[in-house]
Amino acid sequence: DKVTKDEYGKNLDRNIKELVQRLKNKSFKP
């Protein structure tokens, strides 16, 4: 994905919320 820690952290709250939602509804795909 070429994503770094700094890039992911710029919108951390939104990214984490979306990640949790995908984990809950099992739409998450590694």
Full PDB file with SEQRES, HELIX, SHEET, SSBOND, CRYST1, ORIGX, SCALE, CONECT and MASTER records, all heavy atoms in Angstrom:
SEQRES   1 A   30  ASP LYS VAL THR LYS ASP GLU TYR GLY LYS ASN LEU ASP          
SEQRES   2 A   30  ARG ASN ILE LYS GLU LEU VAL GLN ARG LEU LYS ASN LYS          
SEQRES   3 A   30  SER PHE LYS PRO                                              
HELIX    1 AA1 LYS A    5  GLY A    9  1                                   5    
HELIX    2 AA2 LEU A   12  LYS A   24  1                                  13    
CRYST1    1.000    1.000    1.000  90.00  90.00  90.00 P 1           1          
ORIGX1      1.000000  0.000000  0.000000        0.00000                         
ORIGX2      0.000000  1.000000  0.000000        0.00000                         
ORIGX3      0.000000  0.000000  1.000000        0.00000                         
SCALE1      1.000000  0.000000  0.000000        0.00000                         
SCALE2      0.000000  1.000000  0.000000        0.00000                         
SCALE3      0.000000  0.000000  1.000000        0.00000                         
ATOM      1  N   ASP A   1       0.807  -1.221   0.000  1.00  0.00           N  
ATOM      2  CA  ASP A   1       0.000   0.000   0.000  1.00  0.00           C  
ATOM      3  C   ASP A   1       0.838   1.269   0.000  1.00  0.00           C  
ATOM      4  O   ASP A   1       0.308   2.371  -0.227  1.00  0.00           O  
ATOM      5  CB  ASP A   1      -0.948   0.011   1.196  1.00  0.00           C  
ATOM      6  CG  ASP A   1      -0.228  -0.020   2.531  1.00  0.00           C  
ATOM      7  OD1 ASP A   1       1.000  -0.290   2.546  1.00  0.00           O  
ATOM      8  OD2 ASP A   1      -0.872   0.234   3.571  1.00  0.00           O  
ATOM      9  N   LYS A   2       2.152   1.130   0.295  1.00  0.00           N  
ATOM     10  CA  LYS A   2       3.094   2.261   0.320  1.00  0.00           C  
ATOM     11  C   LYS A   2       2.771   3.294   1.395  1.00  0.00           C  
ATOM     12  O   LYS A   2       3.297   4.411   1.387  1.00  0.00           O  
ATOM     13  CB  LYS A   2       3.142   2.968  -1.050  1.00  0.00           C  
ATOM     14  CG  LYS A   2       3.455   2.055  -2.214  1.00  0.00           C  
ATOM     15  CD  LYS A   2       4.843   1.453  -2.108  1.00  0.00           C  
ATOM     16  CE  LYS A   2       5.165   0.607  -3.346  1.00  0.00           C  
ATOM     17  NZ  LYS A   2       6.510  -0.035  -3.223  1.00  0.00           N  
ATOM     18  N   VAL A   3       1.886   2.954   2.341  1.00  0.00           N  
ATOM     19  CA  VAL A   3       1.477   3.888   3.395  1.00  0.00           C  
ATOM     20  C   VAL A   3       2.470   3.820   4.552  1.00  0.00           C  
ATOM     21  O   VAL A   3       2.798   2.741   5.033  1.00  0.00           O  
ATOM     22  CB  VAL A   3       0.055   3.571   3.882  1.00  0.00           C  
ATOM     23  CG1 VAL A   3      -0.324   4.491   5.046  1.00  0.00           C  
ATOM     24  CG2 VAL A   3      -0.953   3.727   2.753  1.00  0.00           C  
ATOM     25  N   THR A   4       2.936   4.978   4.993  1.00  0.00           N  
ATOM     26  CA  THR A   4       3.837   5.063   6.135  1.00  0.00           C  
ATOM     27  C   THR A   4       3.060   5.365   7.414  1.00  0.00           C  
ATOM     28  O   THR A   4       1.869   5.712   7.370  1.00  0.00           O  
ATOM     29  CB  THR A   4       4.895   6.154   5.917  1.00  0.00           C  
ATOM     30  OG1 THR A   4       4.235   7.426   5.867  1.00  0.00           O  
ATOM     31  CG2 THR A   4       5.670   5.917   4.626  1.00  0.00           C  
ATOM     32  N   LYS A   5       3.725   5.271   8.538  1.00  0.00           N  
ATOM     33  CA  LYS A   5       3.099   5.583   9.818  1.00  0.00           C  
ATOM     34  C   LYS A   5       2.660   7.043   9.859  1.00  0.00           C  
ATOM     35  O   LYS A   5       1.552   7.341  10.321  1.00  0.00           O  
ATOM     36  CB  LYS A   5       4.066   5.286  10.954  1.00  0.00           C  
ATOM     37  CG  LYS A   5       3.503   5.619  12.338  1.00  0.00           C  
ATOM     38  CD  LYS A   5       4.480   5.251  13.442  1.00  0.00           C  
ATOM     39  CE  LYS A   5       3.883   5.576  14.821  1.00  0.00           C  
ATOM     40  NZ  LYS A   5       4.786   5.162  15.930  1.00  0.00           N  
ATOM     41  N   ASP A   6       3.501   7.935   9.390  1.00  0.00           N  
ATOM     42  CA  ASP A   6       3.168   9.363   9.409  1.00  0.00           C  
ATOM     43  C   ASP A   6       1.945   9.659   8.561  1.00  0.00           C  
ATOM     44  O   ASP A   6       1.060  10.438   8.951  1.00  0.00           O  
ATOM     45  CB  ASP A   6       4.357  10.192   8.932  1.00  0.00           C  
ATOM     46  CG  ASP A   6       5.512  10.186   9.924  1.00  0.00           C  
ATOM     47  OD1 ASP A   6       5.259   9.895  11.116  1.00  0.00           O  
ATOM     48  OD2 ASP A   6       6.657  10.479   9.516  1.00  0.00           O  
ATOM     49  N   GLU A   7       1.871   9.057   7.378  1.00  0.00           N  
ATOM     50  CA  GLU A   7       0.730   9.288   6.495  1.00  0.00           C  
ATOM     51  C   GLU A   7      -0.557   8.760   7.115  1.00  0.00           C  
ATOM     52  O   GLU A   7      -1.603   9.405   7.056  1.00  0.00           O  
ATOM     53  CB  GLU A   7       0.986   8.627   5.144  1.00  0.00           C  
ATOM     54  CG  GLU A   7       2.075   9.304   4.316  1.00  0.00           C  
ATOM     55  CD  GLU A   7       2.448   8.508   3.085  1.00  0.00           C  
ATOM     56  OE1 GLU A   7       1.993   7.344   2.975  1.00  0.00           O  
ATOM     57  OE2 GLU A   7       3.194   9.025   2.229  1.00  0.00           O  
ATOM     58  N   TYR A   8      -0.488   7.577   7.710  1.00  0.00           N  
ATOM     59  CA  TYR A   8      -1.675   6.998   8.337  1.00  0.00           C  
ATOM     60  C   TYR A   8      -2.110   7.821   9.539  1.00  0.00           C  
ATOM     61  O   TYR A   8      -3.312   7.972   9.807  1.00  0.00           O  
ATOM     62  CB  TYR A   8      -1.388   5.559   8.761  1.00  0.00           C  
ATOM     63  CG  TYR A   8      -2.626   4.758   9.119  1.00  0.00           C  
ATOM     64  CD1 TYR A   8      -3.336   4.073   8.138  1.00  0.00           C  
ATOM     65  CD2 TYR A   8      -3.088   4.700  10.430  1.00  0.00           C  
ATOM     66  CE1 TYR A   8      -4.458   3.322   8.461  1.00  0.00           C  
ATOM     67  CE2 TYR A   8      -4.208   3.968  10.762  1.00  0.00           C  
ATOM     68  CZ  TYR A   8      -4.893   3.274   9.776  1.00  0.00           C  
ATOM     69  OH  TYR A   8      -6.026   2.547  10.095  1.00  0.00           O  
ATOM     70  N   GLY A   9      -1.155   8.384  10.256  1.00  0.00           N  
ATOM     71  CA  GLY A   9      -1.455   9.142  11.462  1.00  0.00           C  
ATOM     72  C   GLY A   9      -2.047  10.514  11.229  1.00  0.00           C  
ATOM     73  O   GLY A   9      -2.576  11.126  12.154  1.00  0.00           O  
ATOM     74  N   LYS A  10      -1.980  11.026   9.989  1.00  0.00           N  
ATOM     75  CA  LYS A  10      -2.535  12.346   9.691  1.00  0.00           C  
ATOM     76  C   LYS A  10      -4.044  12.373   9.897  1.00  0.00           C  
ATOM     77  O   LYS A  10      -4.604  13.398  10.296  1.00  0.00           O  
ATOM     78  CB  LYS A  10      -2.184  12.744   8.257  1.00  0.00           C  
ATOM     79  CG  LYS A  10      -0.712  13.069   8.058  1.00  0.00           C  
ATOM     80  CD  LYS A  10      -0.416  13.413   6.610  1.00  0.00           C  
ATOM     81  CE  LYS A  10       1.086  13.727   6.415  1.00  0.00           C  
ATOM     82  NZ  LYS A  10       1.404  14.021   4.993  1.00  0.00           N  
ATOM     83  N   ASN A  11      -4.738  11.285   9.615  1.00  0.00           N  
ATOM     84  CA  ASN A  11      -6.173  11.167   9.851  1.00  0.00           C  
ATOM     85  C   ASN A  11      -6.432   9.936  10.719  1.00  0.00           C  
ATOM     86  O   ASN A  11      -7.245   9.074  10.395  1.00  0.00           O  
ATOM     87  CB  ASN A  11      -6.937  11.051   8.531  1.00  0.00           C  
ATOM     88  CG  ASN A  11      -6.808  12.297   7.675  1.00  0.00           C  
ATOM     89  OD1 ASN A  11      -7.255  13.372   8.040  1.00  0.00           O  
ATOM     90  ND2 ASN A  11      -6.164  12.145   6.515  1.00  0.00           N  
ATOM     91  N   LEU A  12      -5.732   9.874  11.836  1.00  0.00           N  
ATOM     92  CA  LEU A  12      -5.732   8.669  12.661  1.00  0.00           C  
ATOM     93  C   LEU A  12      -7.119   8.314  13.175  1.00  0.00           C  
ATOM     94  O   LEU A  12      -7.547   7.156  13.061  1.00  0.00           O  
ATOM     95  CB  LEU A  12      -4.764   8.835  13.835  1.00  0.00           C  
ATOM     96  CG  LEU A  12      -4.615   7.607  14.747  1.00  0.00           C  
ATOM     97  CD1 LEU A  12      -4.048   6.430  13.964  1.00  0.00           C  
ATOM     98  CD2 LEU A  12      -3.721   7.933  15.945  1.00  0.00           C  
ATOM     99  N   ASP A  13      -7.830   9.267  13.746  1.00  0.00           N  
ATOM    100  CA  ASP A  13      -9.148   8.988  14.326  1.00  0.00           C  
ATOM    101  C   ASP A  13     -10.093   8.408  13.275  1.00  0.00           C  
ATOM    102  O   ASP A  13     -10.776   7.404  13.528  1.00  0.00           O  
ATOM    103  CB  ASP A  13      -9.741  10.250  14.934  1.00  0.00           C  
ATOM    104  CG  ASP A  13      -9.008  10.691  16.191  1.00  0.00           C  
ATOM    105  OD1 ASP A  13      -8.329   9.840  16.820  1.00  0.00           O  
ATOM    106  OD2 ASP A  13      -9.106  11.880  16.556  1.00  0.00           O  
ATOM    107  N   ARG A  14     -10.147   9.035  12.109  1.00  0.00           N  
ATOM    108  CA  ARG A  14     -11.042   8.561  11.056  1.00  0.00           C  
ATOM    109  C   ARG A  14     -10.614   7.186  10.559  1.00  0.00           C  
ATOM    110  O   ARG A  14     -11.450   6.294  10.369  1.00  0.00           O  
ATOM    111  CB  ARG A  14     -11.062   9.554   9.900  1.00  0.00           C  
ATOM    112  CG  ARG A  14     -12.088   9.207   8.805  1.00  0.00           C  
ATOM    113  CD  ARG A  14     -11.933  10.115   7.605  1.00  0.00           C  
ATOM    114  NE  ARG A  14     -10.678   9.868   6.918  1.00  0.00           N  
ATOM    115  CZ  ARG A  14     -10.218  10.605   5.905  1.00  0.00           C  
ATOM    116  NH1 ARG A  14     -10.904  11.672   5.497  1.00  0.00           N  
ATOM    117  NH2 ARG A  14      -9.067  10.301   5.333  1.00  0.00           N  
ATOM    118  N   ASN A  15      -9.305   7.016  10.354  1.00  0.00           N  
ATOM    119  CA  ASN A  15      -8.795   5.738   9.846  1.00  0.00           C  
ATOM    120  C   ASN A  15      -9.080   4.595  10.818  1.00  0.00           C  
ATOM    121  O   ASN A  15      -9.478   3.501  10.402  1.00  0.00           O  
ATOM    122  CB  ASN A  15      -7.292   5.832   9.579  1.00  0.00           C  
ATOM    123  CG  ASN A  15      -6.958   6.689   8.386  1.00  0.00           C  
ATOM    124  OD1 ASN A  15      -7.781   6.855   7.476  1.00  0.00           O  
ATOM    125  ND2 ASN A  15      -5.755   7.260   8.370  1.00  0.00           N  
ATOM    126  N   ILE A  16      -8.887   4.843  12.098  1.00  0.00           N  
ATOM    127  CA  ILE A  16      -9.115   3.812  13.106  1.00  0.00           C  
ATOM    128  C   ILE A  16     -10.600   3.473  13.220  1.00  0.00           C  
ATOM    129  O   ILE A  16     -10.977   2.300  13.334  1.00  0.00           O  
ATOM    130  CB  ILE A  16      -8.540   4.229  14.466  1.00  0.00           C  
ATOM    131  CG1 ILE A  16      -7.022   4.329  14.410  1.00  0.00           C  
ATOM    132  CG2 ILE A  16      -8.972   3.246  15.557  1.00  0.00           C  
ATOM    133  CD1 ILE A  16      -6.318   3.029  14.141  1.00  0.00           C  
ATOM    134  N   LYS A  17     -11.462   4.490  13.184  1.00  0.00           N  
ATOM    135  CA  LYS A  17     -12.910   4.247  13.244  1.00  0.00           C  
ATOM    136  C   LYS A  17     -13.372   3.392  12.075  1.00  0.00           C  
ATOM    137  O   LYS A  17     -14.165   2.449  12.244  1.00  0.00           O  
ATOM    138  CB  LYS A  17     -13.667   5.575  13.276  1.00  0.00           C  
ATOM    139  CG  LYS A  17     -13.651   6.275  14.620  1.00  0.00           C  
ATOM    140  CD  LYS A  17     -14.481   7.549  14.585  1.00  0.00           C  
ATOM    141  CE  LYS A  17     -14.461   8.238  15.957  1.00  0.00           C  
ATOM    142  NZ  LYS A  17     -15.271   9.491  15.947  1.00  0.00           N  
ATOM    143  N   GLU A  18     -12.893   3.706  10.886  1.00  0.00           N  
ATOM    144  CA  GLU A  18     -13.258   2.927   9.703  1.00  0.00           C  
ATOM    145  C   GLU A  18     -12.724   1.505   9.807  1.00  0.00           C  
ATOM    146  O   GLU A  18     -13.398   0.546   9.423  1.00  0.00           O  
ATOM    147  CB  GLU A  18     -12.713   3.599   8.444  1.00  0.00           C  
ATOM    148  CG  GLU A  18     -13.406   4.917   8.112  1.00  0.00           C  
ATOM    149  CD  GLU A  18     -12.816   5.580   6.889  1.00  0.00           C  
ATOM    150  OE1 GLU A  18     -11.802   5.058   6.355  1.00  0.00           O  
ATOM    151  OE2 GLU A  18     -13.369   6.618   6.440  1.00  0.00           O  
ATOM    152  N   LEU A  19     -11.514   1.357  10.340  1.00  0.00           N  
ATOM    153  CA  LEU A  19     -10.917   0.038  10.510  1.00  0.00           C  
ATOM    154  C   LEU A  19     -11.725  -0.809  11.484  1.00  0.00           C  
ATOM    155  O   LEU A  19     -12.005  -1.989  11.216  1.00  0.00           O  
ATOM    156  CB  LEU A  19      -9.472   0.175  10.985  1.00  0.00           C  
ATOM    157  CG  LEU A  19      -8.712  -1.111  11.333  1.00  0.00           C  
ATOM    158  CD1 LEU A  19      -8.679  -2.055  10.135  1.00  0.00           C  
ATOM    159  CD2 LEU A  19      -7.288  -0.785  11.808  1.00  0.00           C  
ATOM    160  N   VAL A  20     -12.121  -0.234  12.611  1.00  0.00           N  
ATOM    161  CA  VAL A  20     -12.918  -0.948  13.604  1.00  0.00           C  
ATOM    162  C   VAL A  20     -14.255  -1.390  13.013  1.00  0.00           C  
ATOM    163  O   VAL A  20     -14.718  -2.508  13.244  1.00  0.00           O  
ATOM    164  CB  VAL A  20     -13.138  -0.081  14.856  1.00  0.00           C  
ATOM    165  CG1 VAL A  20     -14.178  -0.721  15.788  1.00  0.00           C  
ATOM    166  CG2 VAL A  20     -11.836   0.131  15.609  1.00  0.00           C  
ATOM    167  N   GLN A  21     -14.865  -0.516  12.230  1.00  0.00           N  
ATOM    168  CA  GLN A  21     -16.150  -0.842  11.606  1.00  0.00           C  
ATOM    169  C   GLN A  21     -16.010  -2.019  10.644  1.00  0.00           C  
ATOM    170  O   GLN A  21     -16.851  -2.926  10.634  1.00  0.00           O  
ATOM    171  CB  GLN A  21     -16.692   0.392  10.856  1.00  0.00           C  
ATOM    172  CG  GLN A  21     -18.103   0.207  10.320  1.00  0.00           C  
ATOM    173  CD  GLN A  21     -19.119  -0.086  11.394  1.00  0.00           C  
ATOM    174  OE1 GLN A  21     -19.068   0.495  12.486  1.00  0.00           O  
ATOM    175  NE2 GLN A  21     -20.031  -1.014  11.137  1.00  0.00           N  
ATOM    176  N   ARG A  22     -14.941  -2.029   9.854  1.00  0.00           N  
ATOM    177  CA  ARG A  22     -14.705  -3.145   8.928  1.00  0.00           C  
ATOM    178  C   ARG A  22     -14.426  -4.439   9.673  1.00  0.00           C  
ATOM    179  O   ARG A  22     -14.797  -5.523   9.238  1.00  0.00           O  
ATOM    180  CB  ARG A  22     -13.561  -2.804   7.989  1.00  0.00           C  
ATOM    181  CG  ARG A  22     -13.967  -1.865   6.842  1.00  0.00           C  
ATOM    182  CD  ARG A  22     -12.820  -1.594   5.891  1.00  0.00           C  
ATOM    183  NE  ARG A  22     -11.896  -0.633   6.457  1.00  0.00           N  
ATOM    184  CZ  ARG A  22     -10.585  -0.758   6.468  1.00  0.00           C  
ATOM    185  NH1 ARG A  22     -10.035  -1.826   5.962  1.00  0.00           N  
ATOM    186  NH2 ARG A  22      -9.814   0.178   6.984  1.00  0.00           N  
ATOM    187  N   LEU A  23     -13.755  -4.342  10.807  1.00  0.00           N  
ATOM    188  CA  LEU A  23     -13.506  -5.532  11.618  1.00  0.00           C  
ATOM    189  C   LEU A  23     -14.797  -6.067  12.233  1.00  0.00           C  
ATOM    190  O   LEU A  23     -14.996  -7.272  12.332  1.00  0.00           O  
ATOM    191  CB  LEU A  23     -12.488  -5.220  12.717  1.00  0.00           C  
ATOM    192  CG  LEU A  23     -11.037  -5.013  12.274  1.00  0.00           C  
ATOM    193  CD1 LEU A  23     -10.196  -4.425  13.403  1.00  0.00           C  
ATOM    194  CD2 LEU A  23     -10.410  -6.328  11.817  1.00  0.00           C  
ATOM    195  N   LYS A  24     -15.681  -5.161  12.636  1.00  0.00           N  
ATOM    196  CA  LYS A  24     -16.945  -5.567  13.249  1.00  0.00           C  
ATOM    197  C   LYS A  24     -17.858  -6.262  12.248  1.00  0.00           C  
ATOM    198  O   LYS A  24     -18.448  -7.296  12.554  1.00  0.00           O  
ATOM    199  CB  LYS A  24     -17.650  -4.348  13.851  1.00  0.00           C  
ATOM    200  CG  LYS A  24     -17.071  -3.891  15.180  1.00  0.00           C  
ATOM    201  CD  LYS A  24     -17.875  -2.738  15.749  1.00  0.00           C  
ATOM    202  CE  LYS A  24     -17.328  -2.296  17.112  1.00  0.00           C  
ATOM    203  NZ  LYS A  24     -18.109  -1.156  17.673  1.00  0.00           N  
ATOM    204  N   ASN A  25     -18.003  -5.682  11.053  1.00  0.00           N  
ATOM    205  CA  ASN A  25     -18.916  -6.265  10.063  1.00  0.00           C  
ATOM    206  C   ASN A  25     -18.232  -7.306   9.167  1.00  0.00           C  
ATOM    207  O   ASN A  25     -18.823  -7.796   8.197  1.00  0.00           O  
ATOM    208  CB  ASN A  25     -19.587  -5.183   9.218  1.00  0.00           C  
ATOM    209  CG  ASN A  25     -18.593  -4.322   8.445  1.00  0.00           C  
ATOM    210  OD1 ASN A  25     -17.508  -4.766   8.065  1.00  0.00           O  
ATOM    211  ND2 ASN A  25     -18.966  -3.054   8.210  1.00  0.00           N  
ATOM    212  N   LYS A  26     -16.968  -7.597   9.453  1.00  0.00           N  
ATOM    213  CA  LYS A  26     -16.178  -8.613   8.741  1.00  0.00           C  
ATOM    214  C   LYS A  26     -15.986  -8.319   7.255  1.00  0.00           C  
ATOM    215  O   LYS A  26     -15.852  -9.238   6.435  1.00  0.00           O  
ATOM    216  CB  LYS A  26     -16.801  -9.999   8.928  1.00  0.00           C  
ATOM    217  CG  LYS A  26     -16.678 -10.538  10.336  1.00  0.00           C  
ATOM    218  CD  LYS A  26     -17.109 -11.980  10.412  1.00  0.00           C  
ATOM    219  CE  LYS A  26     -16.914 -12.545  11.815  1.00  0.00           C  
ATOM    220  NZ  LYS A  26     -17.284 -13.974  11.907  1.00  0.00           N  
ATOM    221  N   SER A  27     -15.962  -7.048   6.937  1.00  0.00           N  
ATOM    222  CA  SER A  27     -15.614  -6.656   5.571  1.00  0.00           C  
ATOM    223  C   SER A  27     -14.118  -6.402   5.437  1.00  0.00           C  
ATOM    224  O   SER A  27     -13.626  -6.112   4.351  1.00  0.00           O  
ATOM    225  CB  SER A  27     -16.404  -5.409   5.157  1.00  0.00           C  
ATOM    226  OG  SER A  27     -16.065  -4.304   5.994  1.00  0.00           O  
ATOM    227  N   PHE A  28     -13.415  -6.522   6.554  1.00  0.00           N  
ATOM    228  CA  PHE A  28     -11.976  -6.305   6.548  1.00  0.00           C  
ATOM    229  C   PHE A  28     -11.281  -7.434   5.787  1.00  0.00           C  
ATOM    230  O   PHE A  28     -11.561  -8.613   5.994  1.00  0.00           O  
ATOM    231  CB  PHE A  28     -11.451  -6.250   7.987  1.00  0.00           C  
ATOM    232  CG  PHE A  28      -9.955  -6.140   8.081  1.00  0.00           C  
ATOM    233  CD1 PHE A  28      -9.328  -4.926   7.866  1.00  0.00           C  
ATOM    234  CD2 PHE A  28      -9.180  -7.246   8.381  1.00  0.00           C  
ATOM    235  CE1 PHE A  28      -7.947  -4.814   7.955  1.00  0.00           C  
ATOM    236  CE2 PHE A  28      -7.809  -7.149   8.474  1.00  0.00           C  
ATOM    237  CZ  PHE A  28      -7.186  -5.927   8.260  1.00  0.00           C  
ATOM    238  N   LYS A  29     -10.366  -7.060   4.931  1.00  0.00           N  
ATOM    239  CA  LYS A  29      -9.608  -8.030   4.147  1.00  0.00           C  
ATOM    240  C   LYS A  29      -8.128  -7.636   4.141  1.00  0.00           C  
ATOM    241  O   LYS A  29      -7.769  -6.608   3.594  1.00  0.00           O  
ATOM    242  CB  LYS A  29     -10.126  -8.112   2.712  1.00  0.00           C  
ATOM    243  CG  LYS A  29      -9.457  -9.196   1.879  1.00  0.00           C  
ATOM    244  CD  LYS A  29     -10.027  -9.266   0.483  1.00  0.00           C  
ATOM    245  CE  LYS A  29      -9.339 -10.358  -0.336  1.00  0.00           C  
ATOM    246  NZ  LYS A  29      -9.879 -10.435  -1.720  1.00  0.00           N  
ATOM    247  N   PRO A  30      -7.270  -8.449   4.751  1.00  0.00           N  
ATOM    248  CA  PRO A  30      -5.835  -8.123   4.762  1.00  0.00           C  
ATOM    249  C   PRO A  30      -5.268  -8.084   3.349  1.00  0.00           C  
ATOM    250  O   PRO A  30      -5.675  -8.865   2.484  1.00  0.00           O  
ATOM    251  CB  PRO A  30      -5.214  -9.268   5.565  1.00  0.00           C  
ATOM    252  CG  PRO A  30      -6.344  -9.912   6.290  1.00  0.00           C  
ATOM    253  CD  PRO A  30      -7.557  -9.712   5.452  1.00  0.00           C  
TER     254      PRO A  30                                                      
MASTER        0    0    0    2    0    0    0    6  253    1    0    3          
END                                                                             
